[in-house]
Amino acid sequence: MGSPPKMEGRTIYYHVAEDNGDVDDENVQGYSLTFKGNGVEQLTRKFEEETGLEGVIVCTRSPLNGKLYPLRLQLPPNNVTMQVVLVLPSSKGESTSCQMFFFSSTVLVLLHILMNLTVLYGEFIKLFLLKFRI
């Protein structure tokens, strides 16, 4: 007799936010899928394939204030079971905080990249001027 086969990946239970941003009874288990990766980008693609929805934002509810926040970069370690809410960019209402946080943090990342490029561009100009003694 062998031991039961080990499940690969993690179970993720999810709800899809309504167009008005409301989430149906989250106390009900909702849909589920098994996910084998650790990246949020991979998980987002998996949800888009699974649901047929495009541009979803994968959010989790904060245990501190109950608000939705987007998942970033990596999922929690050890393949722990998760509960998430899929929010569409067009959703309004409660899920708007998730979208605003997602988009504002994305803008901050883009601004940071732009600032770094500006610094690099300035250094390039200095080197160019020095090299050609302009």
N, C-alpha and C. Protein backbone atom coordinates (compact mmCIF):
# COMPACT_ATOMS: atom_id res chain seq x y z
N MET A 1 0.83 -1.18 0.00
CA MET A 1 0.00 0.00 0.00
C MET A 1 0.87 1.23 0.00
N GLY A 2 0.63 2.09 -0.94
CA GLY A 2 1.38 3.34 -1.00
C GLY A 2 0.60 4.48 -0.38
N SER A 3 1.30 5.55 -0.17
CA SER A 3 0.63 6.74 0.36
C SER A 3 -0.14 7.41 -0.76
N PRO A 4 -1.15 8.21 -0.42
CA PRO A 4 -1.92 8.88 -1.46
C PRO A 4 -1.01 9.81 -2.26
N PRO A 5 -1.31 9.97 -3.55
CA PRO A 5 -0.45 10.82 -4.37
C PRO A 5 -0.47 12.26 -3.86
N LYS A 6 0.71 12.87 -3.87
CA LYS A 6 0.84 14.25 -3.43
C LYS A 6 0.29 15.17 -4.51
N MET A 7 -0.57 16.11 -4.11
CA MET A 7 -1.14 17.04 -5.07
C MET A 7 -0.09 18.08 -5.44
N GLU A 8 0.11 18.27 -6.72
CA GLU A 8 1.07 19.28 -7.17
C GLU A 8 0.35 20.59 -7.34
N GLY A 9 0.96 21.65 -6.84
CA GLY A 9 0.37 22.97 -6.95
C GLY A 9 -0.47 23.30 -5.74
N ARG A 10 -1.14 24.41 -5.85
CA ARG A 10 -2.00 24.88 -4.76
C ARG A 10 -3.43 25.03 -5.25
N THR A 11 -4.36 24.89 -4.34
CA THR A 11 -5.75 25.13 -4.67
C THR A 11 -6.04 26.60 -4.44
N ILE A 12 -6.65 27.24 -5.43
CA ILE A 12 -7.02 28.65 -5.30
C ILE A 12 -8.53 28.75 -5.53
N TYR A 13 -9.22 29.24 -4.51
CA TYR A 13 -10.65 29.50 -4.62
C TYR A 13 -10.82 30.94 -5.07
N TYR A 14 -11.78 31.17 -5.97
CA TYR A 14 -11.94 32.53 -6.46
C TYR A 14 -13.39 32.89 -6.73
N HIS A 15 -13.65 34.18 -6.67
CA HIS A 15 -14.92 34.78 -7.05
C HIS A 15 -14.61 35.82 -8.11
N VAL A 16 -15.57 36.10 -8.96
CA VAL A 16 -15.41 37.16 -9.96
C VAL A 16 -16.31 38.31 -9.51
N ALA A 17 -15.72 39.52 -9.38
CA ALA A 17 -16.50 40.69 -8.98
C ALA A 17 -17.51 41.02 -10.07
N GLU A 18 -18.69 41.44 -9.66
CA GLU A 18 -19.73 41.86 -10.61
C GLU A 18 -19.30 43.15 -11.29
N ASP A 19 -20.02 43.54 -12.34
CA ASP A 19 -19.71 44.79 -13.04
C ASP A 19 -19.77 46.00 -12.11
N ASN A 20 -20.65 45.93 -11.11
CA ASN A 20 -20.76 47.04 -10.17
C ASN A 20 -19.71 46.96 -9.06
N GLY A 21 -18.84 45.93 -9.11
CA GLY A 21 -17.77 45.78 -8.14
C GLY A 21 -18.12 44.93 -6.94
N ASP A 22 -19.38 44.58 -6.80
CA ASP A 22 -19.77 43.75 -5.66
C ASP A 22 -19.27 42.32 -5.87
N VAL A 23 -19.04 41.66 -4.76
CA VAL A 23 -18.62 40.26 -4.79
C VAL A 23 -19.73 39.46 -4.13
N ASP A 24 -20.26 38.47 -4.87
CA ASP A 24 -21.29 37.62 -4.29
C ASP A 24 -20.75 36.97 -3.02
N ASP A 25 -21.62 36.44 -2.25
CA ASP A 25 -21.31 35.87 -0.94
C ASP A 25 -19.96 35.15 -0.92
N GLU A 26 -18.97 35.82 -0.33
CA GLU A 26 -17.63 35.23 -0.28
C GLU A 26 -17.53 34.11 0.76
N ASN A 27 -18.57 33.96 1.57
CA ASN A 27 -18.57 32.86 2.53
C ASN A 27 -18.81 31.52 1.82
N VAL A 28 -19.39 31.61 0.62
CA VAL A 28 -19.57 30.42 -0.21
C VAL A 28 -18.24 30.15 -0.90
N GLN A 29 -17.91 28.91 -1.07
CA GLN A 29 -16.60 28.53 -1.56
C GLN A 29 -16.24 29.12 -2.93
N GLY A 30 -17.16 29.25 -3.84
CA GLY A 30 -16.86 29.80 -5.16
C GLY A 30 -16.21 28.77 -6.07
N TYR A 31 -15.56 29.26 -7.10
CA TYR A 31 -14.87 28.38 -8.05
C TYR A 31 -13.48 28.05 -7.51
N SER A 32 -12.86 27.04 -8.12
CA SER A 32 -11.49 26.72 -7.70
C SER A 32 -10.69 26.22 -8.89
N LEU A 33 -9.38 26.34 -8.76
CA LEU A 33 -8.46 25.75 -9.72
C LEU A 33 -7.19 25.37 -9.00
N THR A 34 -6.43 24.48 -9.62
CA THR A 34 -5.13 24.09 -9.08
C THR A 34 -4.07 24.80 -9.90
N PHE A 35 -3.15 25.47 -9.21
CA PHE A 35 -2.12 26.26 -9.87
C PHE A 35 -0.75 25.79 -9.41
N LYS A 36 0.15 25.57 -10.36
CA LYS A 36 1.46 25.00 -10.04
C LYS A 36 2.58 26.03 -9.96
N GLY A 37 2.32 27.28 -10.33
CA GLY A 37 3.39 28.28 -10.34
C GLY A 37 3.44 29.11 -9.07
N ASN A 38 4.31 30.14 -9.10
CA ASN A 38 4.43 31.06 -7.97
C ASN A 38 4.23 32.51 -8.37
N GLY A 39 4.19 32.80 -9.69
CA GLY A 39 4.11 34.17 -10.14
C GLY A 39 2.69 34.64 -10.36
N VAL A 40 2.44 35.89 -10.00
CA VAL A 40 1.11 36.47 -10.17
C VAL A 40 0.77 36.61 -11.65
N GLU A 41 1.77 36.93 -12.47
CA GLU A 41 1.52 37.06 -13.91
C GLU A 41 1.06 35.73 -14.51
N GLN A 42 1.71 34.64 -14.11
CA GLN A 42 1.30 33.31 -14.58
C GLN A 42 -0.11 32.99 -14.11
N LEU A 43 -0.39 33.32 -12.85
CA LEU A 43 -1.71 33.05 -12.29
C LEU A 43 -2.78 33.86 -13.03
N THR A 44 -2.47 35.11 -13.34
CA THR A 44 -3.42 35.96 -14.05
C THR A 44 -3.74 35.35 -15.42
N ARG A 45 -2.71 34.89 -16.13
CA ARG A 45 -2.94 34.25 -17.44
C ARG A 45 -3.79 32.99 -17.28
N LYS A 46 -3.53 32.22 -16.23
CA LYS A 46 -4.30 30.99 -15.97
C LYS A 46 -5.77 31.34 -15.73
N PHE A 47 -6.03 32.39 -14.95
CA PHE A 47 -7.41 32.81 -14.71
C PHE A 47 -8.07 33.29 -16.00
N GLU A 48 -7.33 34.02 -16.83
CA GLU A 48 -7.89 34.49 -18.09
C GLU A 48 -8.25 33.32 -19.00
N GLU A 49 -7.39 32.30 -19.02
CA GLU A 49 -7.69 31.10 -19.82
C GLU A 49 -8.91 30.37 -19.23
N GLU A 50 -8.93 30.24 -17.92
CA GLU A 50 -9.98 29.48 -17.23
C GLU A 50 -11.36 30.14 -17.37
N THR A 51 -11.38 31.48 -17.26
CA THR A 51 -12.67 32.20 -17.23
C THR A 51 -13.07 32.80 -18.57
N GLY A 52 -12.10 32.97 -19.48
CA GLY A 52 -12.39 33.64 -20.74
C GLY A 52 -12.45 35.15 -20.60
N LEU A 53 -12.12 35.67 -19.42
CA LEU A 53 -12.11 37.12 -19.18
C LEU A 53 -10.72 37.67 -19.51
N GLU A 54 -10.68 38.90 -19.99
CA GLU A 54 -9.39 39.52 -20.32
C GLU A 54 -9.11 40.69 -19.39
N GLY A 55 -7.84 40.86 -19.06
CA GLY A 55 -7.42 42.01 -18.27
C GLY A 55 -7.81 41.95 -16.80
N VAL A 56 -8.00 40.74 -16.26
CA VAL A 56 -8.41 40.64 -14.86
C VAL A 56 -7.28 41.08 -13.94
N ILE A 57 -7.67 41.61 -12.81
CA ILE A 57 -6.74 41.96 -11.74
C ILE A 57 -7.02 40.98 -10.61
N VAL A 58 -6.00 40.23 -10.21
CA VAL A 58 -6.16 39.23 -9.16
C VAL A 58 -5.95 39.92 -7.81
N CYS A 59 -7.01 39.95 -7.00
CA CYS A 59 -6.97 40.66 -5.72
C CYS A 59 -7.18 39.69 -4.56
N THR A 60 -6.74 40.12 -3.42
CA THR A 60 -6.98 39.38 -2.19
C THR A 60 -7.56 40.34 -1.17
N ARG A 61 -8.36 39.82 -0.26
CA ARG A 61 -9.00 40.68 0.73
C ARG A 61 -8.10 40.78 1.97
N SER A 62 -7.83 41.99 2.40
CA SER A 62 -7.01 42.20 3.59
C SER A 62 -7.75 41.73 4.83
N PRO A 63 -7.09 40.94 5.68
CA PRO A 63 -7.74 40.52 6.92
C PRO A 63 -7.86 41.68 7.91
N LEU A 64 -7.11 42.76 7.70
CA LEU A 64 -7.13 43.90 8.62
C LEU A 64 -8.31 44.84 8.40
N ASN A 65 -8.55 45.20 7.11
CA ASN A 65 -9.62 46.17 6.85
C ASN A 65 -10.69 45.65 5.89
N GLY A 66 -10.53 44.44 5.38
CA GLY A 66 -11.53 43.85 4.50
C GLY A 66 -11.53 44.37 3.08
N LYS A 67 -10.60 45.27 2.75
CA LYS A 67 -10.55 45.83 1.40
C LYS A 67 -9.78 44.91 0.47
N LEU A 68 -10.08 45.04 -0.82
CA LEU A 68 -9.39 44.25 -1.84
C LEU A 68 -8.10 44.95 -2.25
N TYR A 69 -7.02 44.17 -2.36
CA TYR A 69 -5.75 44.68 -2.84
C TYR A 69 -5.20 43.71 -3.87
N PRO A 70 -4.56 44.23 -4.90
CA PRO A 70 -4.02 43.33 -5.94
C PRO A 70 -2.83 42.53 -5.42
N LEU A 71 -2.73 41.30 -5.90
CA LEU A 71 -1.54 40.50 -5.61
C LEU A 71 -0.40 41.06 -6.43
N ARG A 72 0.80 41.03 -5.89
CA ARG A 72 1.97 41.55 -6.58
C ARG A 72 3.05 40.47 -6.65
N LEU A 73 3.77 40.40 -7.71
CA LEU A 73 4.96 39.60 -7.92
C LEU A 73 4.84 38.11 -7.62
N GLN A 74 4.95 37.72 -6.35
CA GLN A 74 4.98 36.30 -6.00
C GLN A 74 3.81 35.92 -5.10
N LEU A 75 3.41 34.67 -5.21
CA LEU A 75 2.37 34.14 -4.32
C LEU A 75 3.02 33.68 -3.03
N PRO A 76 2.23 33.52 -1.97
CA PRO A 76 2.79 33.03 -0.71
C PRO A 76 3.48 31.67 -0.92
N PRO A 77 4.50 31.38 -0.12
CA PRO A 77 5.25 30.12 -0.28
C PRO A 77 4.46 28.90 0.17
N ASN A 78 5.02 27.74 -0.10
CA ASN A 78 4.54 26.44 0.39
C ASN A 78 3.20 26.01 -0.19
N ASN A 79 2.82 26.55 -1.34
CA ASN A 79 1.58 26.14 -2.00
C ASN A 79 0.36 26.17 -1.08
N VAL A 80 0.30 27.17 -0.21
CA VAL A 80 -0.86 27.28 0.67
C VAL A 80 -2.11 27.57 -0.15
N THR A 81 -3.24 27.08 0.32
CA THR A 81 -4.53 27.35 -0.33
C THR A 81 -4.82 28.84 -0.22
N MET A 82 -5.36 29.41 -1.29
CA MET A 82 -5.63 30.84 -1.31
C MET A 82 -7.08 31.12 -1.71
N GLN A 83 -7.55 32.30 -1.35
CA GLN A 83 -8.84 32.81 -1.79
C GLN A 83 -8.60 34.17 -2.42
N VAL A 84 -9.07 34.34 -3.66
CA VAL A 84 -8.85 35.60 -4.37
C VAL A 84 -10.16 36.06 -5.01
N VAL A 85 -10.14 37.31 -5.45
CA VAL A 85 -11.26 37.90 -6.18
C VAL A 85 -10.71 38.43 -7.49
N LEU A 86 -11.36 38.09 -8.59
CA LEU A 86 -10.97 38.59 -9.90
C LEU A 86 -11.77 39.86 -10.18
N VAL A 87 -11.07 40.93 -10.47
CA VAL A 87 -11.70 42.22 -10.72
C VAL A 87 -11.41 42.62 -12.16
N LEU A 88 -12.45 43.04 -12.86
CA LEU A 88 -12.28 43.54 -14.22
C LEU A 88 -11.98 45.03 -14.18
N PRO A 89 -11.18 45.51 -15.13
CA PRO A 89 -10.87 46.95 -15.15
C PRO A 89 -12.12 47.83 -15.22
N SER A 90 -13.21 47.32 -15.77
CA SER A 90 -14.43 48.10 -15.91
C SER A 90 -15.31 48.06 -14.66
N SER A 91 -14.94 47.26 -13.66
CA SER A 91 -15.76 47.14 -12.45
C SER A 91 -15.77 48.45 -11.66
N LYS A 92 -16.87 48.69 -10.98
CA LYS A 92 -17.01 49.87 -10.14
C LYS A 92 -17.42 49.41 -8.75
N GLY A 93 -17.36 50.30 -7.79
CA GLY A 93 -17.80 49.96 -6.44
C GLY A 93 -16.66 49.50 -5.58
N GLU A 94 -16.91 48.45 -4.78
CA GLU A 94 -15.93 47.98 -3.79
C GLU A 94 -14.60 47.63 -4.43
N SER A 95 -14.65 47.03 -5.61
CA SER A 95 -13.41 46.57 -6.25
C SER A 95 -12.58 47.73 -6.80
N THR A 96 -13.14 48.95 -6.81
CA THR A 96 -12.41 50.09 -7.34
C THR A 96 -11.13 50.33 -6.55
N SER A 97 -11.15 50.08 -5.23
CA SER A 97 -9.93 50.29 -4.44
C SER A 97 -8.83 49.36 -4.92
N CYS A 98 -9.18 48.14 -5.30
CA CYS A 98 -8.20 47.20 -5.82
C CYS A 98 -7.62 47.72 -7.13
N GLN A 99 -8.49 48.21 -8.02
CA GLN A 99 -8.03 48.74 -9.30
C GLN A 99 -7.16 49.96 -9.10
N MET A 100 -7.60 50.89 -8.24
CA MET A 100 -6.85 52.12 -8.04
C MET A 100 -5.47 51.81 -7.47
N PHE A 101 -5.40 50.89 -6.51
CA PHE A 101 -4.12 50.51 -5.94
C PHE A 101 -3.24 49.89 -7.01
N PHE A 102 -3.83 49.02 -7.84
CA PHE A 102 -3.09 48.36 -8.90
C PHE A 102 -2.54 49.38 -9.89
N PHE A 103 -3.40 50.28 -10.36
CA PHE A 103 -2.97 51.24 -11.37
C PHE A 103 -2.03 52.29 -10.79
N SER A 104 -2.27 52.75 -9.56
CA SER A 104 -1.38 53.75 -8.98
C SER A 104 0.00 53.16 -8.71
N SER A 105 0.06 51.90 -8.26
CA SER A 105 1.36 51.28 -8.04
C SER A 105 2.07 51.03 -9.37
N THR A 106 1.30 50.72 -10.41
CA THR A 106 1.90 50.55 -11.74
C THR A 106 2.47 51.87 -12.23
N VAL A 107 1.75 52.96 -12.01
CA VAL A 107 2.24 54.28 -12.41
C VAL A 107 3.51 54.63 -11.65
N LEU A 108 3.55 54.31 -10.36
CA LEU A 108 4.75 54.58 -9.57
C LEU A 108 5.95 53.80 -10.11
N VAL A 109 5.74 52.56 -10.48
CA VAL A 109 6.83 51.76 -11.05
C VAL A 109 7.30 52.38 -12.36
N LEU A 110 6.36 52.80 -13.20
CA LEU A 110 6.73 53.42 -14.47
C LEU A 110 7.48 54.73 -14.25
N LEU A 111 7.05 55.53 -13.28
CA LEU A 111 7.76 56.77 -12.97
C LEU A 111 9.18 56.48 -12.48
N HIS A 112 9.33 55.45 -11.67
CA HIS A 112 10.65 55.07 -11.18
C HIS A 112 11.56 54.67 -12.36
N ILE A 113 11.02 53.89 -13.28
CA ILE A 113 11.79 53.49 -14.46
C ILE A 113 12.16 54.72 -15.28
N LEU A 114 11.23 55.63 -15.46
CA LEU A 114 11.49 56.84 -16.23
C LEU A 114 12.57 57.68 -15.58
N MET A 115 12.52 57.80 -14.25
CA MET A 115 13.56 58.56 -13.55
C MET A 115 14.93 57.92 -13.74
N ASN A 116 14.99 56.60 -13.65
CA ASN A 116 16.26 55.91 -13.86
C ASN A 116 16.77 56.10 -15.28
N LEU A 117 15.86 56.05 -16.25
CA LEU A 117 16.27 56.27 -17.63
C LEU A 117 16.78 57.68 -17.84
N THR A 118 16.16 58.65 -17.18
CA THR A 118 16.60 60.04 -17.28
C THR A 118 18.01 60.18 -16.74
N VAL A 119 18.28 59.56 -15.59
CA VAL A 119 19.62 59.60 -15.01
C VAL A 119 20.62 58.94 -15.96
N LEU A 120 20.28 57.77 -16.49
CA LEU A 120 21.17 57.08 -17.42
C LEU A 120 21.41 57.90 -18.67
N TYR A 121 20.35 58.53 -19.17
CA TYR A 121 20.46 59.35 -20.36
C TYR A 121 21.38 60.54 -20.09
N GLY A 122 21.24 61.16 -18.92
CA GLY A 122 22.11 62.28 -18.53
C GLY A 122 23.56 61.85 -18.47
N GLU A 123 23.82 60.67 -17.89
CA GLU A 123 25.19 60.15 -17.82
C GLU A 123 25.73 59.87 -19.21
N PHE A 124 24.90 59.36 -20.09
CA PHE A 124 25.31 59.09 -21.46
C PHE A 124 25.71 60.39 -22.15
N ILE A 125 24.91 61.45 -21.97
CA ILE A 125 25.22 62.75 -22.58
C ILE A 125 26.55 63.28 -22.06
N LYS A 126 26.78 63.17 -20.74
CA LYS A 126 28.05 63.64 -20.16
C LYS A 126 29.22 62.89 -20.78
N LEU A 127 29.10 61.56 -20.88
CA LEU A 127 30.19 60.77 -21.46
C LEU A 127 30.42 61.14 -22.93
N PHE A 128 29.36 61.35 -23.65
CA PHE A 128 29.44 61.72 -25.05
C PHE A 128 30.16 63.07 -25.20
N LEU A 129 29.78 64.04 -24.37
CA LEU A 129 30.40 65.36 -24.43
C LEU A 129 31.87 65.30 -24.06
N LEU A 130 32.18 64.48 -23.04
CA LEU A 130 33.58 64.34 -22.63
C LEU A 130 34.42 63.68 -23.73
N LYS A 131 33.87 62.62 -24.32
CA LYS A 131 34.60 61.88 -25.32
C LYS A 131 34.93 62.75 -26.54
N PHE A 132 33.97 63.53 -26.97
CA PHE A 132 34.18 64.35 -28.16
C PHE A 132 34.53 65.79 -27.82
N ARG A 133 34.80 66.05 -26.55
CA ARG A 133 35.24 67.36 -26.06
C ARG A 133 34.39 68.51 -26.61
N ILE A 134 33.11 68.32 -26.44
CA ILE A 134 32.17 69.34 -26.94
C ILE A 134 31.83 70.29 -25.81
